Amino acid sequence: MALQGPMLWLSVHPCRGLVDEKIKVLVHHAAPVQRLTVHTLFRSEDGDDWEAFGHYVSDSAGAVDVSEDVCLGGTYSGHEPMGLLWSLRPVPGSRPSLRFRKKDTGTPMLVTISLHQGFLSDSFTERLPLASRVVERWYMAPGVRRVELTEGGVTGTLFLPPGPGQFPAVLDLPGGGRSLPEARAVLLASHGFVTLALNYLNPRRTAGGEYHVGNDYFQTAFSVLQTHPQVIRERIAIVGLSFGASMALGLSVYSPTIKPSCLVSISGSHVQPAGGSLGDIFAEFKKNEKNTRYDEEKRVIWHDLLLPIPSNPSKKVDVGQLCCPLLLIVGKDDQNWPAEESASDMKEMMEMSGNGHLLTVLSYPDTGHLIEPPYSPHCRSSNFINAESREKFVVLWGGEVTAHCHAQEDSWWKILDFLKKHLYYGPQSDITSCT
């Protein structure tokens, strides 16, 4: 479990675990009150190197406990047990505007943790470390199965927890972009939920041109989960991020067949044509393109695209009709979507309609749009390829590193608690009063 170096002993526990599991980094047998730098290095599947580092001083016994000791500087500072992971950032000289995404969720992140003499801030690869360890960080727990789904015209990736089941299920609706992210879905499956990451944003092509999927596509996907032999059909949630959260809200209210047991909306909005399809929503957004802003670095800011929040009921989802528990995750520095303004309006609508007791809002200061699983590197801005137009540009997501990463950790465990409460421990159906 440990690697013996000259005079020093560096250990990491566990050296293999899920990405949402905390690690404990310990240094022994250093000199008393010795200045040391603990460094992490990770190479992405695209060949980009990411690093983080913290400065520590050993105690009188020559020990450092990263989980307990104060970091005096680096890519993070203060008492931050997991700063060596969440403060990962592209090394100097990397390609601009990178966003970390794990593509192959069946393989681990291999993170090298190394120890260096003195307080260093650069040129780590040019120096011989005093000691090092390689740590495996997995999204997929042992026994989780990945199945590429093409049933009933629906495309996506299905993740099945270990064992015969039956299990509660989650329909995972990711946000914009051309590729289908699977990290959150497989991590949910690793915690005991059959999870379908649904591919729905990329336009479909026919001889007559391109088209967006209709609401029947989502209804089919929900039905696929309901009828799967390893799923408890009465216990299905929808989790959506960004555009996916907006779709989840509309479908949960207006679809005659999509009746989730609970709903998680991450950085979403209810502003859209009431009862509209995906194509209707895109058409409405295009009408508001004039509200697009740019910062001094020419990064796209879409925050105002849906503002002001309309008073016209035909322009937003009537969440007063929502019949299942709703958890809203809101970043107060979201530069991409008016999540905070939308949450405030949804709260007012639900309280006026008498279903306010179904709503829980988690609101995080200095937190941006991309609220991802815990210990993921914060992404303030990144390259973005529009799924519809295939145009490439840089989008500003918002958030400050430390606050945003704390929000990711806090919200993740509360999302899991929310899903367990309503899918594992709650009544067989939370929506019977609305059917």
Protein backbone atom coordinates (compact mmCIF):
# COMPACT_ATOMS: atom_id res chain seq x y z
CA MET A 1 0.00 0.00 0.00
CA ALA A 2 3.00 2.32 0.35
CA LEU A 3 6.15 3.16 -1.57
CA GLN A 4 9.44 3.52 0.33
CA GLY A 5 11.58 6.37 -0.91
CA PRO A 6 14.84 7.79 0.49
CA MET A 7 13.98 8.74 4.06
CA LEU A 8 10.35 9.24 3.10
CA TRP A 9 7.18 7.22 3.02
CA LEU A 10 4.16 8.33 0.94
CA SER A 11 0.88 6.48 1.19
CA VAL A 12 -2.57 6.97 -0.37
CA HIS A 13 -5.69 5.24 0.93
CA PRO A 14 -7.59 3.91 -0.87
CA CYS A 15 -5.34 3.57 -3.89
CA ARG A 16 -8.32 2.29 -5.90
CA GLY A 17 -11.88 3.61 -5.55
CA LEU A 18 -14.79 5.50 -7.05
CA VAL A 19 -14.28 9.11 -8.14
CA ASP A 20 -16.67 10.33 -5.44
CA GLU A 21 -14.68 8.56 -2.70
CA LYS A 22 -12.30 10.61 -0.57
CA ILE A 23 -8.63 9.68 -0.39
CA LYS A 24 -6.17 10.12 2.46
CA VAL A 25 -2.63 11.20 1.51
CA LEU A 26 0.03 10.75 4.21
CA VAL A 27 3.74 11.58 4.38
CA HIS A 28 5.97 9.98 7.03
CA HIS A 29 9.64 10.23 7.96
CA ALA A 30 10.30 13.65 6.48
CA ALA A 31 12.51 16.01 8.42
CA PRO A 32 10.71 17.99 11.12
CA VAL A 33 9.22 21.26 9.85
CA GLN A 34 10.25 20.44 6.28
CA ARG A 35 8.74 22.32 3.35
CA LEU A 36 7.13 19.90 0.89
CA THR A 37 4.99 20.05 -2.23
CA VAL A 38 2.42 17.35 -2.94
CA HIS A 39 1.67 17.19 -6.67
CA THR A 40 -0.98 15.36 -8.70
CA LEU A 41 -0.72 14.67 -12.44
CA PHE A 42 -3.30 13.17 -14.75
CA ARG A 43 -3.26 12.61 -18.52
CA SER A 44 -6.66 12.73 -20.22
CA GLU A 45 -7.78 10.46 -23.03
CA ASP A 46 -7.16 13.37 -25.41
CA GLY A 47 -3.51 13.47 -24.35
CA ASP A 48 -3.77 16.63 -22.24
CA ASP A 49 -1.96 16.81 -18.91
CA TRP A 50 -3.75 18.16 -15.83
CA GLU A 51 -2.04 18.96 -12.54
CA ALA A 52 -2.65 20.28 -9.04
CA PHE A 53 -0.32 20.89 -6.13
CA GLY A 54 -0.29 22.01 -2.53
CA HIS A 55 2.41 23.32 -0.18
CA TYR A 56 2.71 21.72 3.25
CA VAL A 57 5.08 21.84 6.20
CA SER A 58 5.72 18.60 8.10
CA ASP A 59 5.09 18.51 11.84
CA SER A 60 7.66 17.90 14.56
CA ALA A 61 7.51 14.16 13.83
CA GLY A 62 8.13 14.69 10.10
CA ALA A 63 4.55 13.84 9.07
CA VAL A 64 1.98 15.44 6.75
CA ASP A 65 -1.70 14.48 6.61
CA VAL A 66 -3.25 16.21 3.60
CA SER A 67 -6.73 15.39 4.95
CA GLU A 68 -6.06 17.30 8.18
CA ASP A 69 -3.23 19.76 7.63
CA VAL A 70 -3.52 23.26 6.20
CA CYS A 71 -2.27 23.84 2.66
CA LEU A 72 -0.16 27.00 2.58
CA GLY A 73 -0.45 27.60 -1.17
CA GLY A 74 -0.61 26.05 -4.61
CA THR A 75 -3.66 25.44 -6.80
CA TYR A 76 -5.69 25.55 -3.57
CA SER A 77 -5.10 26.61 0.02
CA GLY A 78 -6.47 26.09 3.51
CA HIS A 79 -7.98 22.93 4.95
CA GLU A 80 -8.97 21.12 1.75
CA PRO A 81 -8.78 17.30 2.06
CA MET A 82 -9.55 16.77 -1.65
CA GLY A 83 -7.92 19.85 -3.14
CA LEU A 84 -5.31 17.71 -4.89
CA LEU A 85 -8.10 16.39 -7.13
CA TRP A 86 -10.71 19.10 -7.54
CA SER A 87 -8.12 21.80 -8.26
CA LEU A 88 -6.66 19.87 -11.21
CA ARG A 89 -6.08 22.22 -14.14
CA PRO A 90 -4.36 21.97 -17.54
CA VAL A 91 -0.59 22.29 -17.22
CA PRO A 92 0.95 25.54 -18.52
CA GLY A 93 1.19 25.57 -22.31
CA SER A 94 -1.83 23.29 -22.83
CA ARG A 95 -4.43 23.80 -25.52
CA PRO A 96 -6.78 26.65 -24.56
CA SER A 97 -10.29 26.33 -23.12
CA LEU A 98 -10.16 22.66 -22.16
CA ARG A 99 -12.91 20.87 -20.23
CA PHE A 100 -12.23 17.59 -18.48
CA ARG A 101 -14.52 14.77 -19.57
CA LYS A 102 -14.00 11.06 -19.02
CA LYS A 103 -14.92 9.38 -22.28
CA ASP A 104 -14.29 5.71 -21.52
CA THR A 105 -16.03 5.26 -18.18
CA GLY A 106 -15.00 1.60 -18.12
CA THR A 107 -11.37 2.54 -17.45
CA PRO A 108 -10.02 4.45 -14.44
CA MET A 109 -8.44 7.85 -14.13
CA LEU A 110 -4.79 7.14 -13.34
CA VAL A 111 -3.59 9.94 -11.08
CA THR A 112 0.06 10.14 -10.05
CA ILE A 113 0.58 11.69 -6.63
CA SER A 114 4.18 12.70 -5.96
CA LEU A 115 6.16 14.42 -3.24
CA HIS A 116 8.79 17.12 -3.83
CA GLN A 117 11.29 18.98 -1.69
CA GLY A 118 10.47 22.65 -1.08
CA PHE A 119 7.58 24.84 -2.21
CA LEU A 120 7.38 24.32 -5.99
CA SER A 121 4.97 25.82 -8.50
CA ASP A 122 6.21 24.60 -11.87
CA SER A 123 8.51 22.27 -13.82
CA PHE A 124 7.39 19.21 -11.86
CA THR A 125 8.06 16.75 -14.68
CA GLU A 126 11.67 17.94 -14.87
CA ARG A 127 12.34 17.01 -11.24
CA LEU A 128 12.81 13.63 -9.61
CA PRO A 129 10.17 13.21 -6.88
CA LEU A 130 11.05 12.09 -3.39
CA ALA A 131 8.27 9.49 -3.60
CA SER A 132 5.17 8.81 -5.72
CA ARG A 133 2.03 6.73 -5.95
CA VAL A 134 -0.41 5.96 -8.77
CA VAL A 135 -4.08 6.06 -7.76
CA GLU A 136 -7.00 4.56 -9.70
CA ARG A 137 -10.20 6.64 -9.72
CA TRP A 138 -13.18 4.78 -11.19
CA TYR A 139 -16.60 5.93 -12.36
CA MET A 140 -17.73 2.33 -12.80
CA ALA A 141 -17.97 0.13 -9.72
CA PRO A 142 -17.10 -3.58 -10.03
CA GLY A 143 -19.95 -5.50 -11.62
CA VAL A 144 -21.67 -2.52 -13.29
CA ARG A 145 -22.57 -3.35 -16.90
CA ARG A 146 -22.62 -0.93 -19.83
CA VAL A 147 -25.11 -1.59 -22.65
CA GLU A 148 -25.40 0.51 -25.80
CA LEU A 149 -29.12 0.97 -26.33
CA THR A 150 -30.90 1.12 -29.70
CA GLU A 151 -34.34 -0.10 -28.66
CA GLY A 152 -37.50 1.34 -30.24
CA GLY A 153 -35.49 3.98 -32.09
CA VAL A 154 -34.05 5.26 -28.82
CA THR A 155 -30.27 5.64 -28.60
CA GLY A 156 -28.25 6.00 -25.44
CA THR A 157 -26.19 4.09 -22.92
CA LEU A 158 -27.75 1.91 -20.23
CA PHE A 159 -25.84 1.14 -17.04
CA LEU A 160 -26.94 -1.76 -14.86
CA PRO A 161 -25.84 -2.18 -11.22
CA PRO A 162 -24.35 -5.50 -10.09
CA GLY A 163 -26.79 -8.28 -9.34
CA PRO A 164 -30.11 -9.48 -10.76
CA GLY A 165 -32.21 -6.57 -9.49
CA GLN A 166 -34.83 -5.28 -9.52
CA PHE A 167 -33.57 -1.74 -9.01
CA PRO A 168 -34.95 1.80 -9.10
CA ALA A 169 -34.01 3.63 -12.29
CA VAL A 170 -32.93 7.07 -13.49
CA LEU A 171 -33.42 8.64 -16.90
CA ASP A 172 -30.37 10.90 -17.29
CA LEU A 173 -30.78 13.86 -19.65
CA PRO A 174 -27.42 15.60 -20.20
CA GLY A 175 -26.99 19.14 -21.45
CA GLY A 176 -25.91 20.55 -24.80
CA GLY A 177 -22.98 19.44 -26.92
CA ARG A 178 -22.40 16.82 -29.58
CA SER A 179 -21.09 13.90 -27.54
CA LEU A 180 -23.06 11.91 -24.97
CA PRO A 181 -21.48 12.27 -21.51
CA GLU A 182 -21.79 9.11 -19.42
CA ALA A 183 -19.89 9.96 -16.22
CA ARG A 184 -22.88 10.89 -14.06
CA ALA A 185 -24.99 8.00 -15.37
CA VAL A 186 -22.41 5.30 -14.65
CA LEU A 187 -21.69 6.77 -11.22
CA LEU A 188 -25.42 6.64 -10.41
CA ALA A 189 -25.43 3.00 -11.48
CA SER A 190 -22.46 2.43 -9.20
CA HIS A 191 -24.71 3.61 -6.37
CA GLY A 192 -27.51 1.16 -7.21
CA PHE A 193 -29.69 2.84 -9.86
CA VAL A 194 -30.28 1.47 -13.36
CA THR A 195 -29.44 4.58 -15.38
CA LEU A 196 -30.07 5.45 -19.01
CA ALA A 197 -27.95 8.28 -20.43
CA LEU A 198 -30.18 9.38 -23.29
CA ASN A 199 -28.85 10.67 -26.61
CA TYR A 200 -31.49 13.19 -27.69
CA LEU A 201 -29.88 16.48 -28.74
CA ASN A 202 -28.07 15.54 -31.94
CA PRO A 203 -30.42 16.13 -34.88
CA ARG A 204 -31.58 13.02 -36.73
CA ARG A 205 -31.03 12.82 -40.48
CA THR A 206 -33.38 11.56 -43.19
CA ALA A 207 -33.54 11.89 -46.95
CA GLY A 208 -35.64 14.99 -46.38
CA GLY A 209 -33.09 16.68 -44.14
CA GLU A 210 -32.59 16.94 -40.40
CA TYR A 211 -35.13 16.93 -37.60
CA HIS A 212 -35.27 17.00 -33.82
CA VAL A 213 -36.75 14.12 -31.87
CA GLY A 214 -40.32 14.63 -30.67
CA ASN A 215 -41.80 14.12 -27.24
CA ASP A 216 -42.70 10.57 -28.24
CA TYR A 217 -38.96 9.80 -28.27
CA PHE A 218 -38.66 10.63 -24.57
CA GLN A 219 -41.85 8.71 -23.83
CA THR A 220 -40.36 5.66 -25.53
CA ALA A 221 -37.16 6.02 -23.52
CA PHE A 222 -39.14 6.21 -20.28
CA SER A 223 -41.11 3.13 -21.35
CA VAL A 224 -37.87 1.26 -22.11
CA LEU A 225 -36.85 1.78 -18.51
CA GLN A 226 -40.28 0.86 -17.16
CA THR A 227 -40.34 -2.45 -19.01
CA HIS A 228 -36.75 -3.47 -18.38
CA PRO A 229 -36.72 -6.70 -16.33
CA GLN A 230 -34.23 -5.28 -13.82
CA VAL A 231 -36.21 -2.09 -13.14
CA ILE A 232 -38.96 -1.44 -10.59
CA ARG A 233 -41.36 0.31 -12.97
CA GLU A 234 -42.98 2.47 -10.27
CA ARG A 235 -39.63 3.85 -9.10
CA ILE A 236 -38.09 5.91 -11.89
CA ALA A 237 -36.56 9.38 -11.53
CA ILE A 238 -35.38 11.90 -14.10
CA VAL A 239 -32.10 13.78 -13.59
CA GLY A 240 -31.32 16.59 -16.00
CA LEU A 241 -28.47 19.07 -16.41
CA SER A 242 -28.89 22.39 -18.22
CA PHE A 243 -31.01 21.81 -21.31
CA GLY A 244 -31.72 18.31 -20.04
CA ALA A 245 -33.14 19.77 -16.84
CA SER A 246 -35.45 22.01 -18.84
CA MET A 247 -36.65 19.07 -20.90
CA ALA A 248 -37.21 17.03 -17.74
CA LEU A 249 -39.45 19.72 -16.26
CA GLY A 250 -41.60 20.05 -19.36
CA LEU A 251 -41.97 16.32 -19.91
CA SER A 252 -42.83 15.64 -16.26
CA VAL A 253 -45.70 18.12 -16.37
CA TYR A 254 -47.16 17.67 -19.86
CA SER A 255 -46.41 14.12 -20.98
CA PRO A 256 -49.37 11.73 -20.56
CA THR A 257 -47.03 8.78 -19.93
CA ILE A 258 -43.88 10.17 -18.27
CA LYS A 259 -44.69 10.20 -14.57
CA PRO A 260 -41.44 10.15 -12.58
CA SER A 261 -41.30 9.36 -8.88
CA CYS A 262 -39.02 12.36 -8.41
CA LEU A 263 -37.11 14.89 -10.46
CA VAL A 264 -33.65 16.49 -10.14
CA SER A 265 -32.99 19.69 -12.08
CA ILE A 266 -29.35 20.84 -12.20
CA SER A 267 -28.78 24.34 -13.62
CA GLY A 268 -32.07 24.30 -15.53
CA SER A 269 -35.03 26.53 -16.31
CA HIS A 270 -38.76 26.17 -16.83
CA VAL A 271 -38.83 28.92 -19.48
CA GLN A 272 -39.96 27.27 -22.73
CA PRO A 273 -43.17 26.97 -24.76
CA ALA A 274 -45.65 25.17 -22.53
CA GLY A 275 -46.05 21.62 -23.77
CA GLY A 276 -43.64 22.24 -26.63
CA SER A 277 -41.31 19.80 -28.33
CA LEU A 278 -37.52 19.96 -28.53
CA GLY A 279 -37.81 21.71 -31.89
CA ASP A 280 -40.26 24.25 -30.46
CA ILE A 281 -37.87 25.05 -27.65
CA PHE A 282 -34.92 25.58 -30.01
CA ALA A 283 -37.08 27.82 -32.20
CA GLU A 284 -38.03 29.93 -29.18
CA PHE A 285 -34.41 30.25 -28.11
CA LYS A 286 -33.42 31.48 -31.56
CA LYS A 287 -35.91 34.32 -31.22
CA ASN A 288 -33.92 35.54 -28.22
CA GLU A 289 -30.43 35.28 -29.74
CA LYS A 290 -30.14 39.06 -29.50
CA ASN A 291 -29.80 38.63 -25.74
CA THR A 292 -26.51 36.77 -26.15
CA ARG A 293 -23.63 38.60 -24.49
CA TYR A 294 -19.84 38.28 -24.63
CA ASP A 295 -17.21 39.03 -22.02
CA GLU A 296 -13.91 40.82 -22.59
CA GLU A 297 -12.38 37.55 -23.84
CA LYS A 298 -15.19 37.06 -26.38
CA ARG A 299 -16.63 34.12 -24.47
CA VAL A 300 -20.33 33.47 -25.04
CA ILE A 301 -22.72 34.29 -22.18
CA TRP A 302 -26.21 32.84 -22.65
CA HIS A 303 -27.51 33.76 -19.20
CA ASP A 304 -29.90 36.42 -20.52
CA LEU A 305 -31.31 34.30 -23.34
CA LEU A 306 -34.43 33.43 -21.32
CA LEU A 307 -34.75 36.72 -19.43
CA PRO A 308 -36.80 38.37 -18.24
CA ILE A 309 -38.75 35.42 -16.80
CA PRO A 310 -42.07 35.67 -18.65
CA SER A 311 -45.38 36.27 -16.89
CA ASN A 312 -47.23 34.74 -19.84
CA PRO A 313 -48.11 31.17 -18.73
CA SER A 314 -47.77 29.87 -22.30
CA LYS A 315 -44.05 30.71 -22.20
CA LYS A 316 -43.08 28.50 -19.26
CA VAL A 317 -43.77 25.11 -17.75
CA ASP A 318 -46.66 25.19 -15.31
CA VAL A 319 -44.74 23.65 -12.42
CA GLY A 320 -47.84 24.22 -10.30
CA GLN A 321 -49.08 21.00 -11.93
CA LEU A 322 -46.00 19.03 -10.95
CA CYS A 323 -46.96 15.99 -8.90
CA CYS A 324 -43.61 14.58 -7.78
CA PRO A 325 -40.83 15.83 -5.50
CA LEU A 326 -38.47 18.26 -7.26
CA LEU A 327 -34.88 19.05 -6.30
CA LEU A 328 -33.43 22.20 -7.89
CA ILE A 329 -29.63 22.61 -7.90
CA VAL A 330 -28.72 26.26 -8.53
CA GLY A 331 -25.36 27.97 -9.06
CA LYS A 332 -25.68 31.66 -8.23
CA ASP A 333 -22.86 32.55 -10.65
CA ASP A 334 -24.35 30.57 -13.54
CA GLN A 335 -23.36 32.54 -16.66
CA ASN A 336 -25.02 30.13 -19.07
CA TRP A 337 -28.60 29.78 -17.84
CA PRO A 338 -30.85 31.88 -15.57
CA ALA A 339 -31.08 29.05 -13.04
CA GLU A 340 -31.41 31.30 -9.98
CA GLU A 341 -34.11 33.50 -11.49
CA SER A 342 -35.96 30.42 -12.75
CA ALA A 343 -35.80 28.71 -9.36
CA SER A 344 -37.26 31.79 -7.68
CA ASP A 345 -40.17 31.89 -10.14
CA MET A 346 -40.78 28.13 -9.87
CA LYS A 347 -40.87 28.38 -6.08
CA GLU A 348 -43.48 31.13 -6.28
CA MET A 349 -45.58 29.21 -8.82
CA MET A 350 -45.53 26.01 -6.79
CA GLU A 351 -46.37 27.73 -3.52
CA MET A 352 -49.30 29.52 -5.15
CA SER A 353 -50.56 26.21 -6.57
CA GLY A 354 -50.30 24.37 -3.27
CA ASN A 355 -47.51 21.97 -4.23
CA GLY A 356 -44.66 23.96 -2.71
CA HIS A 357 -44.05 21.13 -0.25
CA LEU A 358 -42.69 19.07 -3.15
CA LEU A 359 -39.88 21.54 -3.83
CA THR A 360 -36.34 21.58 -2.43
CA VAL A 361 -33.88 24.22 -3.62
CA LEU A 362 -30.11 24.01 -3.10
CA SER A 363 -28.52 27.34 -3.99
CA TYR A 364 -24.75 27.79 -4.00
CA PRO A 365 -22.88 31.16 -4.06
CA ASP A 366 -19.99 31.62 -6.52
CA THR A 367 -21.02 28.44 -8.31
CA GLY A 368 -21.33 28.19 -12.07
CA HIS A 369 -23.36 26.18 -14.54
CA LEU A 370 -21.47 22.89 -14.84
CA ILE A 371 -22.25 21.31 -11.48
CA GLU A 372 -20.77 17.84 -11.91
CA PRO A 373 -19.94 14.88 -9.63
CA PRO A 374 -17.64 15.64 -6.69
CA TYR A 375 -13.91 16.26 -7.02
CA SER A 376 -14.28 16.94 -10.75
CA PRO A 377 -12.08 19.84 -11.93
CA HIS A 378 -13.96 23.11 -12.11
CA CYS A 379 -14.55 24.42 -15.62
CA ARG A 380 -15.21 28.17 -15.79
CA SER A 381 -15.18 28.29 -19.60
CA SER A 382 -14.52 25.83 -22.39
CA ASN A 383 -14.75 25.07 -26.07
CA PHE A 384 -18.27 24.15 -27.11
CA ILE A 385 -19.69 22.65 -30.28
CA ASN A 386 -23.36 23.38 -30.83
CA ALA A 387 -25.21 20.09 -31.43
CA GLU A 388 -27.59 21.74 -33.89
CA SER A 389 -25.38 24.14 -35.90
CA ARG A 390 -22.00 22.38 -35.28
CA GLU A 391 -20.55 25.83 -34.68
CA LYS A 392 -17.55 25.94 -32.33
CA PHE A 393 -16.95 28.72 -29.81
CA VAL A 394 -15.92 29.28 -26.19
CA VAL A 395 -18.70 29.42 -23.59
CA LEU A 396 -18.47 31.05 -20.17
CA TRP A 397 -20.02 28.75 -17.53
CA GLY A 398 -19.13 30.73 -14.40
CA GLY A 399 -18.13 29.83 -10.87
CA GLU A 400 -15.09 30.31 -8.63
CA VAL A 401 -12.90 27.25 -8.19
CA THR A 402 -13.13 26.55 -4.45
CA ALA A 403 -16.79 27.47 -3.95
CA HIS A 404 -17.86 25.64 -7.11
CA CYS A 405 -16.03 22.44 -6.14
CA HIS A 406 -17.49 22.53 -2.63
CA ALA A 407 -20.94 22.86 -4.22
CA GLN A 408 -20.28 19.85 -6.43
CA GLU A 409 -19.45 17.73 -3.40
CA ASP A 410 -22.35 18.94 -1.26
CA SER A 411 -24.96 18.69 -4.02
CA TRP A 412 -23.87 15.21 -5.13
CA TRP A 413 -24.50 13.58 -1.76
CA LYS A 414 -27.79 15.43 -1.41
CA ILE A 415 -28.85 14.25 -4.87
CA LEU A 416 -28.09 10.66 -3.88
CA ASP A 417 -29.98 11.09 -0.59
CA PHE A 418 -32.94 12.58 -2.49
CA LEU A 419 -33.01 9.69 -4.98
CA LYS A 420 -32.69 7.07 -2.24
CA LYS A 421 -35.46 8.69 -0.22
CA HIS A 422 -37.96 8.73 -3.07
CA LEU A 423 -36.88 5.63 -5.02
CA TYR A 424 -35.72 3.22 -2.33
CA TYR A 425 -37.49 4.31 0.83
CA GLY A 426 -40.43 6.40 -0.39
CA PRO A 427 -43.92 5.17 -1.29
CA GLN A 428 -44.34 3.05 -4.41
CA SER A 429 -45.65 6.12 -6.18
CA ASP A 430 -45.46 9.79 -5.22
CA ILE A 431 -47.79 10.78 -8.05
CA THR A 432 -50.98 8.85 -7.33
CA SER A 433 -52.88 12.02 -6.49
CA CYS A 434 -52.26 13.35 -10.01
CA THR A 435 -53.24 10.32 -12.06
